[in-house]
Amino acid sequence: WSKGLWGLLVFTMQISIALVFSTA
C-alpha cells in the first residue's frame, strides 16, 4: 500500500496539466 501511494505521480501530473490547459 505504501509503495503504491506514490506510484501515480507522473499520471497525476499528466491529468492535472490536461485539466488546467483544457480549462484555459
mmCIF file of all heavy atoms, coordinates in Angstrom:
data_MODEL
# 
_entry.id   MODEL 
# 
loop_
_atom_site.group_PDB 
_atom_site.id 
_atom_site.type_symbol 
_atom_site.label_atom_id 
_atom_site.label_alt_id 
_atom_site.label_comp_id 
_atom_site.label_asym_id 
_atom_site.label_entity_id 
_atom_site.label_seq_id 
_atom_site.pdbx_PDB_ins_code 
_atom_site.Cartn_x 
_atom_site.Cartn_y 
_atom_site.Cartn_z 
_atom_site.occupancy 
_atom_site.B_iso_or_equiv 
_atom_site.pdbx_formal_charge 
_atom_site.auth_seq_id 
_atom_site.auth_comp_id 
_atom_site.auth_asym_id 
_atom_site.auth_atom_id 
_atom_site.pdbx_PDB_model_num 
ATOM 1   N N   . TRP A 1 1  ? 0.828   -1.206 0.000   1.00 0.00 ? 1  TRP A N   1 
ATOM 2   C CA  . TRP A 1 1  ? 0.000   0.000  0.000   1.00 0.00 ? 1  TRP A CA  1 
ATOM 3   C C   . TRP A 1 1  ? 0.863   1.256  0.000   1.00 0.00 ? 1  TRP A C   1 
ATOM 4   O O   . TRP A 1 1  ? 0.648   2.172  -0.798  1.00 0.00 ? 1  TRP A O   1 
ATOM 5   C CB  . TRP A 1 1  ? -0.915  -0.011 1.229   1.00 0.00 ? 1  TRP A CB  1 
ATOM 6   C CG  . TRP A 1 1  ? -1.726  1.238  1.402   1.00 0.00 ? 1  TRP A CG  1 
ATOM 7   C CD1 . TRP A 1 1  ? -2.813  1.618  0.691   1.00 0.00 ? 1  TRP A CD1 1 
ATOM 8   C CD2 . TRP A 1 1  ? -1.487  2.288  2.355   1.00 0.00 ? 1  TRP A CD2 1 
ATOM 9   N NE1 . TRP A 1 1  ? -3.283  2.828  1.145   1.00 0.00 ? 1  TRP A NE1 1 
ATOM 10  C CE2 . TRP A 1 1  ? -2.490  3.259  2.160   1.00 0.00 ? 1  TRP A CE2 1 
ATOM 11  C CE3 . TRP A 1 1  ? -0.540  2.470  3.362   1.00 0.00 ? 1  TRP A CE3 1 
ATOM 12  C CZ2 . TRP A 1 1  ? -2.554  4.413  2.929   1.00 0.00 ? 1  TRP A CZ2 1 
ATOM 13  C CZ3 . TRP A 1 1  ? -0.602  3.628  4.127   1.00 0.00 ? 1  TRP A CZ3 1 
ATOM 14  C CH2 . TRP A 1 1  ? -1.600  4.584  3.902   1.00 0.00 ? 1  TRP A CH2 1 
ATOM 15  N N   . SER A 1 2  ? 1.860   1.287  0.881   1.00 0.00 ? 2  SER A N   1 
ATOM 16  C CA  . SER A 1 2  ? 2.702   2.487  0.988   1.00 0.00 ? 2  SER A CA  1 
ATOM 17  C C   . SER A 1 2  ? 3.526   2.696  -0.276  1.00 0.00 ? 2  SER A C   1 
ATOM 18  O O   . SER A 1 2  ? 3.759   3.839  -0.697  1.00 0.00 ? 2  SER A O   1 
ATOM 19  C CB  . SER A 1 2  ? 3.616   2.389  2.212   1.00 0.00 ? 2  SER A CB  1 
ATOM 20  O OG  . SER A 1 2  ? 4.497   1.290  2.086   1.00 0.00 ? 2  SER A OG  1 
ATOM 21  N N   . LYS A 1 3  ? 3.959   1.602  -0.900  1.00 0.00 ? 3  LYS A N   1 
ATOM 22  C CA  . LYS A 1 3  ? 4.708   1.724  -2.148  1.00 0.00 ? 3  LYS A CA  1 
ATOM 23  C C   . LYS A 1 3  ? 3.824   2.267  -3.272  1.00 0.00 ? 3  LYS A C   1 
ATOM 24  O O   . LYS A 1 3  ? 4.260   3.059  -4.107  1.00 0.00 ? 3  LYS A O   1 
ATOM 25  C CB  . LYS A 1 3  ? 5.281   0.360  -2.542  1.00 0.00 ? 3  LYS A CB  1 
ATOM 26  C CG  . LYS A 1 3  ? 6.149   0.396  -3.795  1.00 0.00 ? 3  LYS A CG  1 
ATOM 27  C CD  . LYS A 1 3  ? 6.848   -0.939 -4.026  1.00 0.00 ? 3  LYS A CD  1 
ATOM 28  C CE  . LYS A 1 3  ? 5.845   -2.043 -4.308  1.00 0.00 ? 3  LYS A CE  1 
ATOM 29  N NZ  . LYS A 1 3  ? 6.521   -3.322 -4.646  1.00 0.00 ? 3  LYS A NZ  1 
ATOM 30  N N   . GLY A 1 4  ? 2.571   1.847  -3.276  1.00 0.00 ? 4  GLY A N   1 
ATOM 31  C CA  . GLY A 1 4  ? 1.650   2.290  -4.319  1.00 0.00 ? 4  GLY A CA  1 
ATOM 32  C C   . GLY A 1 4  ? 1.203   3.727  -4.172  1.00 0.00 ? 4  GLY A C   1 
ATOM 33  O O   . GLY A 1 4  ? 0.780   4.352  -5.150  1.00 0.00 ? 4  GLY A O   1 
ATOM 34  N N   . LEU A 1 5  ? 1.282   4.275  -2.953  1.00 0.00 ? 5  LEU A N   1 
ATOM 35  C CA  . LEU A 1 5  ? 0.812   5.649  -2.708  1.00 0.00 ? 5  LEU A CA  1 
ATOM 36  C C   . LEU A 1 5  ? 1.389   6.647  -3.702  1.00 0.00 ? 5  LEU A C   1 
ATOM 37  O O   . LEU A 1 5  ? 0.702   7.564  -4.147  1.00 0.00 ? 5  LEU A O   1 
ATOM 38  C CB  . LEU A 1 5  ? 1.168   6.080  -1.280  1.00 0.00 ? 5  LEU A CB  1 
ATOM 39  C CG  . LEU A 1 5  ? 0.339   5.506  -0.135  1.00 0.00 ? 5  LEU A CG  1 
ATOM 40  C CD1 . LEU A 1 5  ? 0.928   5.927  1.199   1.00 0.00 ? 5  LEU A CD1 1 
ATOM 41  C CD2 . LEU A 1 5  ? -1.119  5.958  -0.235  1.00 0.00 ? 5  LEU A CD2 1 
ATOM 42  N N   . TRP A 1 6  ? 2.650   6.469  -4.044  1.00 0.00 ? 6  TRP A N   1 
ATOM 43  C CA  . TRP A 1 6  ? 3.333   7.451  -4.899  1.00 0.00 ? 6  TRP A CA  1 
ATOM 44  C C   . TRP A 1 6  ? 3.614   6.881  -6.288  1.00 0.00 ? 6  TRP A C   1 
ATOM 45  O O   . TRP A 1 6  ? 4.449   7.399  -7.009  1.00 0.00 ? 6  TRP A O   1 
ATOM 46  C CB  . TRP A 1 6  ? 4.629   7.902  -4.221  1.00 0.00 ? 6  TRP A CB  1 
ATOM 47  C CG  . TRP A 1 6  ? 4.417   8.187  -2.771  1.00 0.00 ? 6  TRP A CG  1 
ATOM 48  C CD1 . TRP A 1 6  ? 4.964   7.534  -1.705  1.00 0.00 ? 6  TRP A CD1 1 
ATOM 49  C CD2 . TRP A 1 6  ? 3.534   9.169  -2.207  1.00 0.00 ? 6  TRP A CD2 1 
ATOM 50  N NE1 . TRP A 1 6  ? 4.482   8.050  -0.525  1.00 0.00 ? 6  TRP A NE1 1 
ATOM 51  C CE2 . TRP A 1 6  ? 3.611   9.056  -0.796  1.00 0.00 ? 6  TRP A CE2 1 
ATOM 52  C CE3 . TRP A 1 6  ? 2.685   10.138 -2.754  1.00 0.00 ? 6  TRP A CE3 1 
ATOM 53  C CZ2 . TRP A 1 6  ? 2.868   9.864  0.059   1.00 0.00 ? 6  TRP A CZ2 1 
ATOM 54  C CZ3 . TRP A 1 6  ? 1.939   10.937 -1.907  1.00 0.00 ? 6  TRP A CZ3 1 
ATOM 55  C CH2 . TRP A 1 6  ? 2.047   10.806 -0.519  1.00 0.00 ? 6  TRP A CH2 1 
ATOM 56  N N   . GLY A 1 7  ? 2.891   5.828  -6.651  1.00 0.00 ? 7  GLY A N   1 
ATOM 57  C CA  . GLY A 1 7  ? 3.123   5.209  -7.945  1.00 0.00 ? 7  GLY A CA  1 
ATOM 58  C C   . GLY A 1 7  ? 2.431   5.898  -9.107  1.00 0.00 ? 7  GLY A C   1 
ATOM 59  O O   . GLY A 1 7  ? 2.660   5.535  -10.255 1.00 0.00 ? 7  GLY A O   1 
ATOM 60  N N   . LEU A 1 8  ? 1.581   6.864  -8.809  1.00 0.00 ? 8  LEU A N   1 
ATOM 61  C CA  . LEU A 1 8  ? 0.836   7.533  -9.870  1.00 0.00 ? 8  LEU A CA  1 
ATOM 62  C C   . LEU A 1 8  ? 1.204   9.014  -9.992  1.00 0.00 ? 8  LEU A C   1 
ATOM 63  O O   . LEU A 1 8  ? 0.424   9.805  -10.521 1.00 0.00 ? 8  LEU A O   1 
ATOM 64  C CB  . LEU A 1 8  ? -0.675  7.404  -9.606  1.00 0.00 ? 8  LEU A CB  1 
ATOM 65  C CG  . LEU A 1 8  ? -1.248  5.989  -9.644  1.00 0.00 ? 8  LEU A CG  1 
ATOM 66  C CD1 . LEU A 1 8  ? -2.722  6.011  -9.267  1.00 0.00 ? 8  LEU A CD1 1 
ATOM 67  C CD2 . LEU A 1 8  ? -1.066  5.358  -11.012 1.00 0.00 ? 8  LEU A CD2 1 
ATOM 68  N N   . LEU A 1 9  ? 2.387   9.382  -9.511  1.00 0.00 ? 9  LEU A N   1 
ATOM 69  C CA  . LEU A 1 9  ? 2.756   10.800 -9.517  1.00 0.00 ? 9  LEU A CA  1 
ATOM 70  C C   . LEU A 1 9  ? 2.843   11.364 -10.936 1.00 0.00 ? 9  LEU A C   1 
ATOM 71  O O   . LEU A 1 9  ? 2.376   12.471 -11.203 1.00 0.00 ? 9  LEU A O   1 
ATOM 72  C CB  . LEU A 1 9  ? 4.080   11.000 -8.786  1.00 0.00 ? 9  LEU A CB  1 
ATOM 73  C CG  . LEU A 1 9  ? 4.046   10.838 -7.255  1.00 0.00 ? 9  LEU A CG  1 
ATOM 74  C CD1 . LEU A 1 9  ? 5.420   11.092 -6.670  1.00 0.00 ? 9  LEU A CD1 1 
ATOM 75  C CD2 . LEU A 1 9  ? 3.017   11.770 -6.636  1.00 0.00 ? 9  LEU A CD2 1 
ATOM 76  N N   . VAL A 1 10 ? 3.457   10.607 -11.859 1.00 0.00 ? 10 VAL A N   1 
ATOM 77  C CA  . VAL A 1 10 ? 3.569   11.082 -13.243 1.00 0.00 ? 10 VAL A CA  1 
ATOM 78  C C   . VAL A 1 10 ? 2.179   11.238 -13.858 1.00 0.00 ? 10 VAL A C   1 
ATOM 79  O O   . VAL A 1 10 ? 1.867   12.257 -14.479 1.00 0.00 ? 10 VAL A O   1 
ATOM 80  C CB  . VAL A 1 10 ? 4.422   10.114 -14.089 1.00 0.00 ? 10 VAL A CB  1 
ATOM 81  C CG1 . VAL A 1 10 ? 4.375   10.514 -15.563 1.00 0.00 ? 10 VAL A CG1 1 
ATOM 82  C CG2 . VAL A 1 10 ? 5.864   10.109 -13.587 1.00 0.00 ? 10 VAL A CG2 1 
ATOM 83  N N   . PHE A 1 11 ? 1.341   10.234 -13.661 1.00 0.00 ? 11 PHE A N   1 
ATOM 84  C CA  . PHE A 1 11 ? -0.004  10.282 -14.221 1.00 0.00 ? 11 PHE A CA  1 
ATOM 85  C C   . PHE A 1 11 ? -0.821  11.403 -13.585 1.00 0.00 ? 11 PHE A C   1 
ATOM 86  O O   . PHE A 1 11 ? -1.615  12.062 -14.255 1.00 0.00 ? 11 PHE A O   1 
ATOM 87  C CB  . PHE A 1 11 ? -0.701  8.936  -14.020 1.00 0.00 ? 11 PHE A CB  1 
ATOM 88  C CG  . PHE A 1 11 ? -2.010  8.823  -14.731 1.00 0.00 ? 11 PHE A CG  1 
ATOM 89  C CD1 . PHE A 1 11 ? -2.068  8.776  -16.114 1.00 0.00 ? 11 PHE A CD1 1 
ATOM 90  C CD2 . PHE A 1 11 ? -3.203  8.774  -14.028 1.00 0.00 ? 11 PHE A CD2 1 
ATOM 91  C CE1 . PHE A 1 11 ? -3.274  8.683  -16.782 1.00 0.00 ? 11 PHE A CE1 1 
ATOM 92  C CE2 . PHE A 1 11 ? -4.412  8.675  -14.680 1.00 0.00 ? 11 PHE A CE2 1 
ATOM 93  C CZ  . PHE A 1 11 ? -4.446  8.629  -16.066 1.00 0.00 ? 11 PHE A CZ  1 
ATOM 94  N N   . THR A 1 12 ? -0.616  11.624 -12.279 1.00 0.00 ? 12 THR A N   1 
ATOM 95  C CA  . THR A 1 12 ? -1.309  12.716 -11.599 1.00 0.00 ? 12 THR A CA  1 
ATOM 96  C C   . THR A 1 12 ? -0.965  14.051 -12.237 1.00 0.00 ? 12 THR A C   1 
ATOM 97  O O   . THR A 1 12 ? -1.845  14.893 -12.481 1.00 0.00 ? 12 THR A O   1 
ATOM 98  C CB  . THR A 1 12 ? -0.934  12.757 -10.106 1.00 0.00 ? 12 THR A CB  1 
ATOM 99  O OG1 . THR A 1 12 ? -1.248  11.502 -9.506  1.00 0.00 ? 12 THR A OG1 1 
ATOM 100 C CG2 . THR A 1 12 ? -1.682  13.856 -9.378  1.00 0.00 ? 12 THR A CG2 1 
ATOM 101 N N   . MET A 1 13 ? 0.317   14.248 -12.540 1.00 0.00 ? 13 MET A N   1 
ATOM 102 C CA  . MET A 1 13 ? 0.724   15.495 -13.184 1.00 0.00 ? 13 MET A CA  1 
ATOM 103 C C   . MET A 1 13 ? 0.160   15.595 -14.597 1.00 0.00 ? 13 MET A C   1 
ATOM 104 O O   . MET A 1 13 ? -0.282  16.676 -15.037 1.00 0.00 ? 13 MET A O   1 
ATOM 105 C CB  . MET A 1 13 ? 2.253   15.594 -13.230 1.00 0.00 ? 13 MET A CB  1 
ATOM 106 C CG  . MET A 1 13 ? 2.782   16.864 -13.889 1.00 0.00 ? 13 MET A CG  1 
ATOM 107 S SD  . MET A 1 13 ? 2.132   18.382 -13.134 1.00 0.00 ? 13 MET A SD  1 
ATOM 108 C CE  . MET A 1 13 ? 3.027   18.389 -11.578 1.00 0.00 ? 13 MET A CE  1 
ATOM 109 N N   . GLN A 1 14 ? 0.120   14.475 -15.319 1.00 0.00 ? 14 GLN A N   1 
ATOM 110 C CA  . GLN A 1 14 ? -0.411  14.497 -16.684 1.00 0.00 ? 14 GLN A CA  1 
ATOM 111 C C   . GLN A 1 14 ? -1.879  14.903 -16.707 1.00 0.00 ? 14 GLN A C   1 
ATOM 112 O O   . GLN A 1 14 ? -2.294  15.722 -17.526 1.00 0.00 ? 14 GLN A O   1 
ATOM 113 C CB  . GLN A 1 14 ? -0.224  13.121 -17.335 1.00 0.00 ? 14 GLN A CB  1 
ATOM 114 C CG  . GLN A 1 14 ? 1.210   12.816 -17.728 1.00 0.00 ? 14 GLN A CG  1 
ATOM 115 C CD  . GLN A 1 14 ? 1.368   11.402 -18.242 1.00 0.00 ? 14 GLN A CD  1 
ATOM 116 O OE1 . GLN A 1 14 ? 0.705   10.477 -17.776 1.00 0.00 ? 14 GLN A OE1 1 
ATOM 117 N NE2 . GLN A 1 14 ? 2.253   11.218 -19.201 1.00 0.00 ? 14 GLN A NE2 1 
ATOM 118 N N   . ILE A 1 15 ? -2.677  14.314 -15.816 1.00 0.00 ? 15 ILE A N   1 
ATOM 119 C CA  . ILE A 1 15 ? -4.103  14.657 -15.829 1.00 0.00 ? 15 ILE A CA  1 
ATOM 120 C C   . ILE A 1 15 ? -4.326  16.064 -15.282 1.00 0.00 ? 15 ILE A C   1 
ATOM 121 O O   . ILE A 1 15 ? -5.260  16.758 -15.685 1.00 0.00 ? 15 ILE A O   1 
ATOM 122 C CB  . ILE A 1 15 ? -4.952  13.632 -15.061 1.00 0.00 ? 15 ILE A CB  1 
ATOM 123 C CG1 . ILE A 1 15 ? -4.639  13.662 -13.570 1.00 0.00 ? 15 ILE A CG1 1 
ATOM 124 C CG2 . ILE A 1 15 ? -4.805  12.245 -15.633 1.00 0.00 ? 15 ILE A CG2 1 
ATOM 125 C CD1 . ILE A 1 15 ? -5.705  12.995 -12.725 1.00 0.00 ? 15 ILE A CD1 1 
ATOM 126 N N   . SER A 1 16 ? -3.465  16.502 -14.351 1.00 0.00 ? 16 SER A N   1 
ATOM 127 C CA  . SER A 1 16 ? -3.588  17.863 -13.830 1.00 0.00 ? 16 SER A CA  1 
ATOM 128 C C   . SER A 1 16 ? -3.326  18.881 -14.931 1.00 0.00 ? 16 SER A C   1 
ATOM 129 O O   . SER A 1 16 ? -4.048  19.874 -15.072 1.00 0.00 ? 16 SER A O   1 
ATOM 130 C CB  . SER A 1 16 ? -2.612  18.066 -12.670 1.00 0.00 ? 16 SER A CB  1 
ATOM 131 O OG  . SER A 1 16 ? -2.903  17.206 -11.593 1.00 0.00 ? 16 SER A OG  1 
ATOM 132 N N   . ILE A 1 17 ? -2.295  18.623 -15.728 1.00 0.00 ? 17 ILE A N   1 
ATOM 133 C CA  . ILE A 1 17 ? -1.978  19.504 -16.848 1.00 0.00 ? 17 ILE A CA  1 
ATOM 134 C C   . ILE A 1 17 ? -3.115  19.511 -17.866 1.00 0.00 ? 17 ILE A C   1 
ATOM 135 O O   . ILE A 1 17 ? -3.506  20.566 -18.381 1.00 0.00 ? 17 ILE A O   1 
ATOM 136 C CB  . ILE A 1 17 ? -0.649  19.070 -17.511 1.00 0.00 ? 17 ILE A CB  1 
ATOM 137 C CG1 . ILE A 1 17 ? 0.526   19.430 -16.601 1.00 0.00 ? 17 ILE A CG1 1 
ATOM 138 C CG2 . ILE A 1 17 ? -0.478  19.712 -18.878 1.00 0.00 ? 17 ILE A CG2 1 
ATOM 139 C CD1 . ILE A 1 17 ? 1.861   18.908 -17.085 1.00 0.00 ? 17 ILE A CD1 1 
ATOM 140 N N   . ALA A 1 18 ? -3.666  18.324 -18.148 1.00 0.00 ? 18 ALA A N   1 
ATOM 141 C CA  . ALA A 1 18 ? -4.777  18.238 -19.106 1.00 0.00 ? 18 ALA A CA  1 
ATOM 142 C C   . ALA A 1 18 ? -5.962  19.069 -18.630 1.00 0.00 ? 18 ALA A C   1 
ATOM 143 O O   . ALA A 1 18 ? -6.594  19.786 -19.410 1.00 0.00 ? 18 ALA A O   1 
ATOM 144 C CB  . ALA A 1 18 ? -5.184  16.781 -19.302 1.00 0.00 ? 18 ALA A CB  1 
ATOM 145 N N   . LEU A 1 19 ? -6.260  18.992 -17.336 1.00 0.00 ? 19 LEU A N   1 
ATOM 146 C CA  . LEU A 1 19 ? -7.394  19.727 -16.786 1.00 0.00 ? 19 LEU A CA  1 
ATOM 147 C C   . LEU A 1 19 ? -7.147  21.235 -16.821 1.00 0.00 ? 19 LEU A C   1 
ATOM 148 O O   . LEU A 1 19 ? -8.026  22.016 -17.210 1.00 0.00 ? 19 LEU A O   1 
ATOM 149 C CB  . LEU A 1 19 ? -7.660  19.271 -15.353 1.00 0.00 ? 19 LEU A CB  1 
ATOM 150 C CG  . LEU A 1 19 ? -8.890  19.857 -14.667 1.00 0.00 ? 19 LEU A CG  1 
ATOM 151 C CD1 . LEU A 1 19 ? -10.157 19.471 -15.421 1.00 0.00 ? 19 LEU A CD1 1 
ATOM 152 C CD2 . LEU A 1 19 ? -8.973  19.380 -13.222 1.00 0.00 ? 19 LEU A CD2 1 
ATOM 153 N N   . VAL A 1 20 ? -5.947  21.660 -16.456 1.00 0.00 ? 20 VAL A N   1 
ATOM 154 C CA  . VAL A 1 20 ? -5.611  23.092 -16.417 1.00 0.00 ? 20 VAL A CA  1 
ATOM 155 C C   . VAL A 1 20 ? -5.625  23.694 -17.818 1.00 0.00 ? 20 VAL A C   1 
ATOM 156 O O   . VAL A 1 20 ? -6.226  24.749 -18.062 1.00 0.00 ? 20 VAL A O   1 
ATOM 157 C CB  . VAL A 1 20 ? -4.239  23.298 -15.748 1.00 0.00 ? 20 VAL A CB  1 
ATOM 158 C CG1 . VAL A 1 20 ? -3.742  24.732 -15.979 1.00 0.00 ? 20 VAL A CG1 1 
ATOM 159 C CG2 . VAL A 1 20 ? -4.326  23.022 -14.253 1.00 0.00 ? 20 VAL A CG2 1 
ATOM 160 N N   . PHE A 1 21 ? -4.975  23.024 -18.772 1.00 0.00 ? 21 PHE A N   1 
ATOM 161 C CA  . PHE A 1 21 ? -4.916  23.567 -20.128 1.00 0.00 ? 21 PHE A CA  1 
ATOM 162 C C   . PHE A 1 21 ? -6.278  23.502 -20.823 1.00 0.00 ? 21 PHE A C   1 
ATOM 163 O O   . PHE A 1 21 ? -6.616  24.379 -21.626 1.00 0.00 ? 21 PHE A O   1 
ATOM 164 C CB  . PHE A 1 21 ? -3.863  22.830 -20.960 1.00 0.00 ? 21 PHE A CB  1 
ATOM 165 C CG  . PHE A 1 21 ? -2.438  23.169 -20.567 1.00 0.00 ? 21 PHE A CG  1 
ATOM 166 C CD1 . PHE A 1 21 ? -1.379  22.363 -20.951 1.00 0.00 ? 21 PHE A CD1 1 
ATOM 167 C CD2 . PHE A 1 21 ? -2.159  24.282 -19.795 1.00 0.00 ? 21 PHE A CD2 1 
ATOM 168 C CE1 . PHE A 1 21 ? -0.080  22.667 -20.592 1.00 0.00 ? 21 PHE A CE1 1 
ATOM 169 C CE2 . PHE A 1 21 ? -0.866  24.602 -19.424 1.00 0.00 ? 21 PHE A CE2 1 
ATOM 170 C CZ  . PHE A 1 21 ? 0.184   23.789 -19.827 1.00 0.00 ? 21 PHE A CZ  1 
ATOM 171 N N   . SER A 1 22 ? -7.061  22.463 -20.541 1.00 0.00 ? 22 SER A N   1 
ATOM 172 C CA  . SER A 1 22 ? -8.404  22.392 -21.120 1.00 0.00 ? 22 SER A CA  1 
ATOM 173 C C   . SER A 1 22 ? -9.258  23.548 -20.620 1.00 0.00 ? 22 SER A C   1 
ATOM 174 O O   . SER A 1 22 ? -10.010 24.156 -21.386 1.00 0.00 ? 22 SER A O   1 
ATOM 175 C CB  . SER A 1 22 ? -9.064  21.059 -20.767 1.00 0.00 ? 22 SER A CB  1 
ATOM 176 O OG  . SER A 1 22 ? -8.397  19.982 -21.387 1.00 0.00 ? 22 SER A OG  1 
ATOM 177 N N   . THR A 1 23 ? -9.143  23.847 -19.327 1.00 0.00 ? 23 THR A N   1 
ATOM 178 C CA  . THR A 1 23 ? -9.880  24.982 -18.769 1.00 0.00 ? 23 THR A CA  1 
ATOM 179 C C   . THR A 1 23 ? -9.421  26.291 -19.394 1.00 0.00 ? 23 THR A C   1 
ATOM 180 O O   . THR A 1 23 ? -10.235 27.174 -19.696 1.00 0.00 ? 23 THR A O   1 
ATOM 181 C CB  . THR A 1 23 ? -9.691  25.049 -17.241 1.00 0.00 ? 23 THR A CB  1 
ATOM 182 O OG1 . THR A 1 23 ? -10.080 23.806 -16.659 1.00 0.00 ? 23 THR A OG1 1 
ATOM 183 C CG2 . THR A 1 23 ? -10.521 26.171 -16.631 1.00 0.00 ? 23 THR A CG2 1 
ATOM 184 N N   . ALA A 1 24 ? -8.108  26.420 -19.601 1.00 0.00 ? 24 ALA A N   1 
ATOM 185 C CA  . ALA A 1 24 ? -7.563  27.637 -20.208 1.00 0.00 ? 24 ALA A CA  1 
ATOM 186 C C   . ALA A 1 24 ? -8.089  27.834 -21.625 1.00 0.00 ? 24 ALA A C   1 
ATOM 187 O O   . ALA A 1 24 ? -8.247  28.968 -22.092 1.00 0.00 ? 24 ALA A O   1 
ATOM 188 C CB  . ALA A 1 24 ? -6.036  27.580 -20.218 1.00 0.00 ? 24 ALA A CB  1 
# 
